[in-house]
Protein backbone atom coordinates (compact mmCIF):
# COMPACT_ATOMS: atom_id res chain seq x y z
CA MET A 1 27.03 -69.63 41.92
CA THR A 2 26.31 -72.69 40.25
CA GLU A 3 26.42 -72.91 36.11
CA ALA A 4 23.13 -73.74 34.48
CA ILE A 5 24.89 -74.26 31.12
CA VAL A 6 28.58 -75.44 30.28
CA MET A 7 29.98 -75.84 26.76
CA ASP A 8 33.59 -77.18 26.94
CA GLY A 9 35.62 -77.41 23.80
CA VAL A 10 32.70 -78.14 21.65
CA HIS A 11 33.23 -78.99 17.94
CA LYS A 12 30.77 -79.29 15.02
CA ARG A 13 31.32 -79.86 11.35
CA TYR A 14 28.91 -79.72 8.49
CA GLY A 15 30.85 -81.72 5.92
CA GLU A 16 34.00 -79.19 5.25
CA LYS A 17 32.53 -76.35 7.16
CA ARG A 18 33.64 -76.13 10.75
CA ALA A 19 30.46 -74.46 12.43
CA LEU A 20 31.94 -74.92 16.04
CA ASP A 21 35.81 -74.87 16.73
CA GLY A 22 36.34 -75.74 20.31
CA LEU A 23 33.66 -73.39 21.83
CA ASP A 24 33.79 -72.62 25.59
CA LEU A 25 30.84 -71.23 27.29
CA ALA A 26 29.60 -71.12 30.86
CA VAL A 27 26.15 -69.77 31.98
CA ARG A 28 25.40 -68.90 35.63
CA SER A 29 22.16 -70.03 37.14
CA GLY A 30 19.48 -67.06 37.58
CA THR A 31 20.96 -64.78 35.06
CA VAL A 32 20.66 -63.84 31.34
CA HIS A 33 23.77 -64.59 29.30
CA GLY A 34 23.79 -63.14 25.97
CA VAL A 35 25.54 -64.61 22.80
CA LEU A 36 26.43 -62.36 20.12
CA GLY A 37 28.32 -62.99 16.87
CA PRO A 38 28.61 -62.27 13.17
CA ASN A 39 26.99 -64.00 10.47
CA GLY A 40 28.12 -67.90 10.59
CA ALA A 41 29.83 -67.50 14.07
CA GLY A 42 27.76 -70.41 15.20
CA LYS A 43 25.28 -69.10 17.53
CA THR A 44 22.23 -71.02 16.20
CA THR A 45 24.37 -74.43 15.97
CA ALA A 46 25.33 -73.70 19.66
CA VAL A 47 21.56 -73.23 20.62
CA ARG A 48 20.67 -76.30 18.67
CA ILE A 49 23.28 -78.35 20.37
CA MET A 50 22.28 -77.10 24.04
CA SER A 51 18.69 -77.89 23.36
CA THR A 52 19.31 -81.43 22.15
CA LEU A 53 18.10 -80.61 18.48
CA LEU A 54 21.73 -81.51 17.15
CA ARG A 55 24.67 -83.70 18.31
CA HIS A 56 28.08 -82.36 18.66
CA ASP A 57 31.04 -83.94 17.22
CA ALA A 58 33.48 -83.49 20.28
CA GLY A 59 33.47 -81.50 23.53
CA ARG A 60 31.20 -81.81 26.53
CA VAL A 61 27.85 -79.96 27.07
CA THR A 62 25.72 -79.97 30.22
CA VAL A 63 22.45 -78.13 30.85
CA ALA A 64 20.92 -78.14 34.31
CA GLY A 65 23.78 -80.37 35.38
CA LEU A 66 22.83 -83.10 32.74
CA ASP A 67 24.83 -84.24 29.74
CA VAL A 68 22.81 -83.28 26.72
CA ARG A 69 24.19 -86.42 24.85
CA GLU A 70 23.87 -89.02 27.72
CA ARG A 71 20.55 -87.65 29.11
CA ALA A 72 18.74 -85.79 26.18
CA ALA A 73 15.34 -86.85 27.37
CA GLU A 74 15.63 -85.17 30.81
CA VAL A 75 17.29 -82.25 29.44
CA ARG A 76 14.35 -81.69 27.52
CA ARG A 77 12.24 -81.83 30.44
CA ARG A 78 14.15 -78.99 32.07
CA ILE A 79 14.36 -76.54 29.11
CA GLY A 80 12.01 -74.15 27.29
CA LEU A 81 12.97 -72.98 23.66
CA LEU A 82 11.71 -69.92 21.94
CA GLY A 83 12.85 -69.90 18.17
CA GLN A 84 12.77 -66.97 15.87
CA HIS A 85 9.21 -67.63 14.50
CA ALA A 86 6.20 -67.98 16.80
CA ALA A 87 4.88 -71.45 16.88
CA LEU A 88 1.35 -70.58 17.50
CA ASP A 89 -1.86 -71.72 15.92
CA GLU A 90 -3.47 -68.27 14.59
CA LYS A 91 -7.01 -69.43 14.64
CA LEU A 92 -7.19 -70.39 18.20
CA GLY A 93 -7.47 -68.11 21.15
CA GLY A 94 -4.32 -67.42 23.28
CA ARG A 95 -5.63 -69.69 26.14
CA GLN A 96 -6.57 -72.60 23.69
CA ASN A 97 -2.97 -72.39 22.45
CA LEU A 98 -1.40 -72.78 25.75
CA GLU A 99 -3.84 -75.72 26.55
CA MET A 100 -2.86 -77.36 23.39
CA PHE A 101 0.91 -76.95 24.57
CA GLY A 102 0.23 -78.33 27.95
CA ARG A 103 -1.68 -81.36 26.52
CA LEU A 104 1.37 -82.03 24.23
CA TYR A 105 3.49 -82.00 27.33
CA HIS A 106 1.40 -84.66 28.94
CA LEU A 107 -0.22 -82.22 31.33
CA GLY A 108 -3.86 -83.40 32.21
CA ALA A 109 -6.69 -81.32 30.89
CA ARG A 110 -7.37 -79.47 34.34
CA ARG A 111 -3.51 -78.85 34.76
CA ALA A 112 -3.25 -77.56 31.30
CA GLY A 113 -6.16 -75.25 31.80
CA SER A 114 -4.83 -73.83 34.99
CA ARG A 115 -1.36 -73.37 33.79
CA ALA A 116 -2.67 -71.50 30.70
CA ASP A 117 -4.51 -69.29 33.23
CA GLU A 118 -1.37 -68.65 35.25
CA LEU A 119 0.62 -68.05 32.26
CA LEU A 120 -1.77 -65.41 30.69
CA GLU A 121 -1.94 -63.58 33.80
CA ARG A 122 1.82 -63.55 34.19
CA PHE A 123 2.27 -62.01 30.81
CA GLY A 124 -0.39 -59.43 30.85
CA LEU A 125 -2.42 -61.36 28.30
CA ALA A 126 -5.48 -62.33 30.58
CA ASP A 127 -8.01 -59.93 28.98
CA ALA A 128 -6.96 -61.37 25.60
CA GLY A 129 -7.00 -64.89 26.25
CA ARG A 130 -10.17 -65.92 24.37
CA LYS A 131 -9.18 -63.59 21.24
CA ALA A 132 -7.91 -65.30 18.29
CA VAL A 133 -4.09 -65.02 17.92
CA GLU A 134 -4.53 -63.45 14.31
CA ARG A 135 -5.75 -60.37 16.05
CA TYR A 136 -2.76 -60.12 18.44
CA SER A 137 -0.17 -57.45 17.91
CA GLY A 138 3.52 -58.44 17.44
CA GLY A 139 4.52 -57.86 21.01
CA MET A 140 1.30 -59.99 22.21
CA ARG A 141 2.25 -62.90 20.19
CA ARG A 142 6.05 -63.16 21.27
CA ARG A 143 4.70 -62.77 24.80
CA LEU A 144 2.27 -65.74 24.05
CA ASP A 145 5.01 -67.70 22.62
CA LEU A 146 7.38 -66.91 25.37
CA ALA A 147 4.50 -68.11 27.51
CA ALA A 148 3.99 -71.33 25.66
CA SER A 149 7.76 -72.10 26.24
CA LEU A 150 7.18 -72.12 29.85
CA ILE A 151 4.40 -74.48 30.17
CA THR A 152 6.43 -76.95 32.08
CA ASP A 153 8.36 -74.24 34.07
CA PRO A 154 11.63 -74.95 32.88
CA ASP A 155 14.91 -74.14 34.60
CA VAL A 156 16.71 -73.15 31.57
CA LEU A 157 15.12 -70.98 28.60
CA PHE A 158 16.80 -70.41 25.33
CA LEU A 159 15.62 -67.42 23.39
CA ASP A 160 16.94 -67.23 19.92
CA GLU A 161 16.48 -63.75 18.67
CA PRO A 162 13.20 -63.10 20.43
CA THR A 163 12.46 -59.64 19.19
CA THR A 164 13.23 -59.96 15.56
CA GLY A 165 10.81 -58.10 13.48
CA LEU A 166 9.08 -56.31 16.55
CA ASP A 167 8.45 -52.60 16.71
CA PRO A 168 10.13 -50.65 19.79
CA ARG A 169 7.00 -51.04 21.61
CA GLY A 170 6.58 -54.92 21.24
CA ARG A 171 10.41 -55.24 21.93
CA THR A 172 10.05 -53.50 25.23
CA GLU A 173 7.19 -55.93 26.22
CA VAL A 174 9.49 -58.87 25.49
CA TRP A 175 12.37 -57.49 27.56
CA GLU A 176 9.93 -56.73 30.50
CA ALA A 177 8.75 -60.41 30.26
CA VAL A 178 12.29 -61.78 30.19
CA ARG A 179 13.49 -59.66 33.17
CA SER A 180 10.52 -61.11 35.16
CA LEU A 181 11.31 -64.51 34.23
CA VAL A 182 14.95 -64.02 35.62
CA GLY A 183 13.58 -62.39 38.71
CA GLY A 184 11.71 -65.57 39.22
CA GLY A 185 14.75 -67.68 39.22
CA ALA A 186 15.11 -68.86 35.53
CA THR A 187 18.28 -69.05 33.73
CA VAL A 188 18.00 -67.52 30.18
CA LEU A 189 20.46 -67.88 27.28
CA LEU A 190 19.91 -65.22 24.54
CA THR A 191 21.09 -64.89 21.23
CA THR A 192 20.21 -61.60 19.51
CA GLN A 193 21.07 -59.49 16.46
CA TYR A 194 20.34 -56.40 18.56
CA LEU A 195 23.42 -55.06 20.31
CA GLU A 196 21.18 -52.74 22.60
CA GLU A 197 18.97 -55.64 23.52
CA ALA A 198 22.08 -57.52 24.81
CA ASP A 199 23.26 -54.34 26.81
CA GLN A 200 19.72 -53.97 28.17
CA LEU A 201 19.13 -57.67 29.30
CA ALA A 202 22.27 -59.55 29.68
CA ASP A 203 24.27 -59.89 32.85
CA ARG A 204 27.14 -61.35 30.99
CA ILE A 205 27.82 -61.66 27.32
CA SER A 206 29.76 -63.97 25.17
CA LEU A 207 31.12 -62.88 21.66
CA ILE A 208 31.78 -65.85 19.19
CA ASP A 209 33.44 -65.69 16.02
CA GLY A 210 34.55 -68.47 13.83
CA GLY A 211 33.09 -70.94 16.04
CA ARG A 212 35.03 -69.90 19.32
CA ALA A 213 34.55 -67.37 22.09
CA VAL A 214 36.65 -64.40 21.54
CA ALA A 215 35.33 -62.37 24.39
CA GLU A 216 33.26 -62.85 27.61
CA GLY A 217 32.09 -60.50 30.30
CA THR A 218 29.92 -58.07 31.56
CA PRO A 219 28.67 -55.27 29.33
CA GLY A 220 30.68 -52.58 31.04
CA GLU A 221 33.78 -55.10 30.96
CA LEU A 222 33.49 -55.63 27.20
CA LYS A 223 33.35 -51.81 26.66
CA SER A 224 36.35 -51.24 28.62
CA ARG A 225 38.23 -53.19 26.02
CA VAL A 226 37.60 -50.77 23.37
CA GLY A 227 38.88 -47.81 25.36
CA GLY A 228 37.66 -45.03 27.50
CA ASP A 229 35.11 -42.39 27.23
CA ARG A 230 34.60 -40.69 23.73
CA ILE A 231 33.41 -37.16 22.97
CA ASP A 232 31.23 -36.80 19.93
CA VAL A 233 30.99 -33.37 18.16
CA VAL A 234 28.48 -32.73 15.31
CA LEU A 235 29.09 -29.46 13.26
CA ARG A 236 26.96 -27.31 11.52
CA ASP A 237 29.41 -26.83 8.35
CA ALA A 238 31.04 -30.15 7.33
CA SER A 239 33.71 -28.18 5.50
CA ARG A 240 35.41 -27.36 8.82
CA LEU A 241 35.53 -30.79 9.92
CA ALA A 242 39.14 -31.30 9.45
CA GLU A 243 39.96 -28.06 11.01
CA ALA A 244 37.85 -29.10 14.23
CA GLY A 245 39.46 -32.39 14.31
CA ALA A 246 42.89 -30.91 14.40
CA LEU A 247 41.66 -28.91 17.32
CA LEU A 248 40.67 -31.85 19.34
CA GLY A 249 44.10 -33.38 18.60
CA GLY A 250 45.43 -36.87 19.33
CA ASP A 251 45.92 -39.99 17.27
CA ASP A 252 42.71 -41.36 17.64
CA VAL A 253 40.43 -38.69 16.35
CA THR A 254 37.77 -39.88 13.80
CA LEU A 255 35.94 -38.07 11.10
CA ASP A 256 32.62 -38.81 9.53
CA PRO A 257 32.01 -36.49 6.63
CA ASP A 258 28.48 -37.75 5.97
CA ARG A 259 27.36 -37.11 9.56
CA ARG A 260 29.44 -34.06 10.30
CA LEU A 261 30.75 -35.88 13.03
CA ILE A 262 34.17 -35.81 14.88
CA GLY A 263 35.00 -38.62 17.49
CA ALA A 264 37.79 -38.31 19.94
CA PRO A 265 39.00 -39.83 23.26
CA ALA A 266 37.72 -38.12 26.54
CA PRO A 267 39.78 -39.47 29.43
CA ASP A 268 38.72 -36.82 31.80
CA ARG A 269 34.99 -36.51 30.59
CA MET A 270 33.77 -33.20 31.75
CA ALA A 271 37.33 -31.40 31.45
CA ALA A 272 37.35 -32.79 27.89
CA LEU A 273 33.81 -31.45 27.13
CA THR A 274 34.81 -27.86 28.46
CA ARG A 275 38.04 -27.81 26.56
CA THR A 276 36.29 -28.87 23.30
CA VAL A 277 33.58 -26.31 23.56
CA ARG A 278 35.96 -23.43 24.36
CA ALA A 279 38.33 -24.45 21.57
CA LEU A 280 35.32 -24.63 18.98
CA GLU A 281 34.14 -21.13 20.05
CA GLU A 282 37.57 -19.48 19.90
CA ALA A 283 37.84 -20.75 16.48
CA GLY A 284 34.45 -19.76 15.41
CA ILE A 285 33.36 -23.23 14.43
CA GLU A 286 29.66 -23.84 15.19
CA ALA A 287 28.58 -27.09 16.66
CA GLU A 288 25.02 -28.47 16.61
CA ASP A 289 25.87 -30.94 19.24
CA VAL A 290 28.67 -32.04 21.62
CA ALA A 291 28.28 -35.31 24.04
CA VAL A 292 30.38 -37.28 26.00
CA ARG A 293 29.55 -40.84 26.04
CA ARG A 294 30.66 -44.38 27.09
CA PRO A 295 31.77 -47.11 24.37
CA THR A 296 28.90 -48.92 23.07
CA LEU A 297 28.45 -52.67 22.59
CA ASP A 298 28.46 -51.74 18.74
CA GLU A 299 31.94 -50.58 19.00
CA VAL A 300 33.08 -53.64 20.93
CA PHE A 301 31.70 -56.14 18.47
CA LEU A 302 33.43 -54.27 15.57
CA PHE A 303 36.74 -53.75 17.62
CA LEU A 304 36.90 -57.66 18.65
CA THR A 305 35.71 -59.17 15.18
CA GLY A 306 37.42 -56.60 13.04
CA ARG A 307 34.09 -56.55 10.63
CA PRO A 308 34.43 -54.21 7.69
CA ASP A 309 31.85 -51.50 6.76
CA GLY A 310 28.74 -52.83 5.77
CA GLU A 311 28.52 -55.95 7.57
CA ARG A 312 26.11 -54.91 9.99
CA ARG A 313 22.58 -53.14 10.02
CA THR A 314 20.93 -50.75 12.07
CA GLY A 315 17.80 -51.99 13.84
CA ALA A 316 15.43 -49.49 11.52
CA GLY A 317 16.89 -51.24 8.65
CA GLY A 318 19.48 -48.66 7.15
CA THR A 319 23.23 -48.97 6.88
CA ALA A 320 25.23 -47.97 9.70
CA ARG A 321 28.69 -46.46 9.97
CA THR A 322 31.31 -48.86 11.53
CA GLY A 323 33.89 -46.10 12.91
CA ARG A 324 34.57 -46.08 16.49
CA ALA A 325 32.47 -42.73 16.70
CA ALA A 326 29.42 -44.51 15.65
CA GLN A 327 26.50 -43.12 17.65
CA ASN A 328 24.23 -44.91 20.12
CA GLY A 329 21.06 -46.56 18.69
CA PRO A 330 19.12 -49.98 18.44
CA THR A 331 21.66 -51.58 16.45
CA GLU A 332 21.78 -55.35 15.09
CA VAL A 333 24.58 -57.36 13.64
CA ALA A 334 24.20 -59.87 10.91
CA ALA A 335 22.56 -63.27 12.22
């Protein structure tokens, strides 16, 4: 499989600050590649360099087989870019917005109109094409913005946190649109704050920290680096947490008094589940919930970057625990 994007030892400094410090990245054609990292890791800088908006200091970057420094104009004709904020005229209708983008890309009036109709149909917006964008829902706006980034049918699409601020329905709408793009042969590089989003969409993920790639692989491969399966137990009585933790045994048992939660390794899954339930019943300890689960990308992020508590946020806006027994959910990391 050919590589649509390559970053080889890329460096970028802002004065004394080192934004990228020898970043290596390879994105296969026809896939979604997720880029995750904590605040200041270099995600946005990397995207700006790949999309020709910023020049790197050292290293080599190619997009669609073209050097971004030497052939920037050609690269721009081969890519699409969806930023964090919609670049739409609120007073115009959806079709008018797409026609406007088509004309800005030097499409003739007839071709701009036909391309607008194609994209409205593709993203399920045909019935809303004449409606003013100010009347669109959040998900509809992002789908229209995504359609605008595809007006020239690019080979490579950069999505910089495409679902930030959307409700779950709007996020799902954008996810479906991204999947359809890749099904049509496009290559997508996705930066996101939502770990669940990367897990849902990305074929491979690069985790960057301090301007370097610290891990890369499929979601399953990255999860395996944290360890095996875990068993989570939620007790009815938090005062018996330590007693129940001792019953589970082992050196890797975690206790979360706030949520009355115990986490422990479960290398044999169902056998561990049976043993745990039996041990709790014999000790007269009542559990509200017992579940065996795989490690999450949430835990991978924390394990590989070593971020302390409080440096990530839940997708709902609350503070999330950062212990290895953190529960599944739409979790985001600091941008």
